Amino acid sequence: MASLDDLFSGWGTTVLIGVGVALAAPALLPAVGTIVRPVAKGLIKGGLYLADTLQEVVAESGEQLGDLIAEVKAERAAAPTSSEPK
């Protein structure tokens, strides 16, 4: 069986890196925030533009489909009832 020494043998460096990151984070986060915020805003703007464009395309497609259905119904109503659809 593995002893506790074997279990924790590689953790010294990892713990030191973790403590260093925890101590440096308050100083680094504001600097990272000034870089990340504009990128996030750009992604959100792009997503909103894409959503608006997609909404317009769906609305236009719905209108065209409705017009097509109305046209087919009008042709069917005007056609003699004895003929079969072609």
Protein backbone atom coordinates (compact mmCIF):
# COMPACT_ATOMS: atom_id res chain seq x y z
CA MET A 1 0.00 0.00 0.00
CA ALA A 2 1.08 3.52 -0.63
CA SER A 3 2.08 5.55 2.36
CA LEU A 4 0.98 9.13 3.03
CA ASP A 5 4.42 10.33 1.97
CA ASP A 6 3.93 8.79 -1.46
CA LEU A 7 0.43 10.25 -1.70
CA PHE A 8 1.56 13.83 -1.02
CA SER A 9 5.01 13.63 -2.63
CA GLY A 10 4.39 15.93 -5.64
CA TRP A 11 2.19 18.48 -3.93
CA GLY A 12 4.86 20.86 -2.60
CA THR A 13 5.34 22.72 -5.86
CA THR A 14 1.64 22.71 -6.64
CA VAL A 15 0.76 24.18 -3.25
CA LEU A 16 3.40 26.91 -3.64
CA ILE A 17 2.05 27.83 -7.09
CA GLY A 18 -1.50 27.92 -5.72
CA VAL A 19 -0.50 30.17 -2.82
CA GLY A 20 1.41 32.46 -5.19
CA VAL A 21 -1.56 32.78 -7.51
CA ALA A 22 -3.88 33.46 -4.56
CA LEU A 23 -1.58 36.22 -3.32
CA ALA A 24 -1.08 37.76 -6.77
CA ALA A 25 -4.73 37.58 -7.84
CA PRO A 26 -5.92 40.80 -6.15
CA ALA A 27 -3.21 42.75 -7.95
CA LEU A 28 -3.69 41.03 -11.33
CA LEU A 29 -7.49 40.82 -11.55
CA PRO A 30 -8.13 44.55 -12.14
CA ALA A 31 -5.58 44.54 -14.98
CA VAL A 32 -7.12 41.42 -16.48
CA GLY A 33 -10.59 42.96 -16.07
CA THR A 34 -9.65 45.98 -18.19
CA ILE A 35 -8.65 43.61 -20.99
CA VAL A 36 -11.46 41.07 -20.66
CA ARG A 37 -14.34 43.56 -20.30
CA PRO A 38 -14.04 45.07 -23.82
CA VAL A 39 -13.71 41.59 -25.30
CA ALA A 40 -16.81 40.43 -23.44
CA LYS A 41 -18.74 43.52 -24.55
CA GLY A 42 -17.74 42.88 -28.15
CA LEU A 43 -18.92 39.29 -27.93
CA ILE A 44 -22.23 40.38 -26.43
CA LYS A 45 -22.72 43.04 -29.11
CA GLY A 46 -21.99 40.47 -31.81
CA GLY A 47 -24.42 38.02 -30.25
CA LEU A 48 -27.17 40.63 -30.07
CA TYR A 49 -26.57 41.65 -33.69
CA LEU A 50 -26.74 38.01 -34.74
CA ALA A 51 -29.95 37.46 -32.76
CA ASP A 52 -31.58 40.56 -34.28
CA THR A 53 -30.57 39.55 -37.79
CA LEU A 54 -31.83 36.00 -37.27
CA GLN A 55 -35.12 37.34 -35.92
CA GLU A 56 -35.58 39.51 -39.03
CA VAL A 57 -34.80 36.58 -41.34
CA VAL A 58 -37.30 34.33 -39.55
CA ALA A 59 -39.99 37.03 -39.67
CA GLU A 60 -39.41 37.62 -43.41
CA SER A 61 -39.49 33.87 -44.10
CA GLY A 62 -42.73 33.58 -42.17
CA GLU A 63 -44.28 36.37 -44.22
CA GLN A 64 -43.21 34.75 -47.49
CA LEU A 65 -44.53 31.37 -46.38
CA GLY A 66 -47.85 32.95 -45.40
CA ASP A 67 -48.08 34.67 -48.78
CA LEU A 68 -47.32 31.40 -50.56
CA ILE A 69 -49.99 29.55 -48.59
CA ALA A 70 -52.56 32.26 -49.34
CA GLU A 71 -51.66 32.12 -53.05
CA VAL A 72 -52.06 28.33 -53.17
CA LYS A 73 -55.41 28.53 -51.36
CA ALA A 74 -56.64 31.19 -53.80
CA GLU A 75 -55.58 29.09 -56.80
CA ARG A 76 -57.22 26.02 -55.32
CA ALA A 77 -60.46 27.93 -54.71
CA ALA A 78 -60.48 29.29 -58.28
CA ALA A 79 -59.72 25.93 -59.91
CA PRO A 80 -62.55 23.63 -60.99
CA THR A 81 -63.25 20.94 -58.42
CA SER A 82 -63.25 18.08 -60.96
CA SER A 83 -59.55 18.41 -61.86
CA GLU A 84 -56.91 16.69 -59.80
CA PRO A 85 -53.85 18.59 -58.52
CA LYS A 86 -50.83 18.42 -60.78
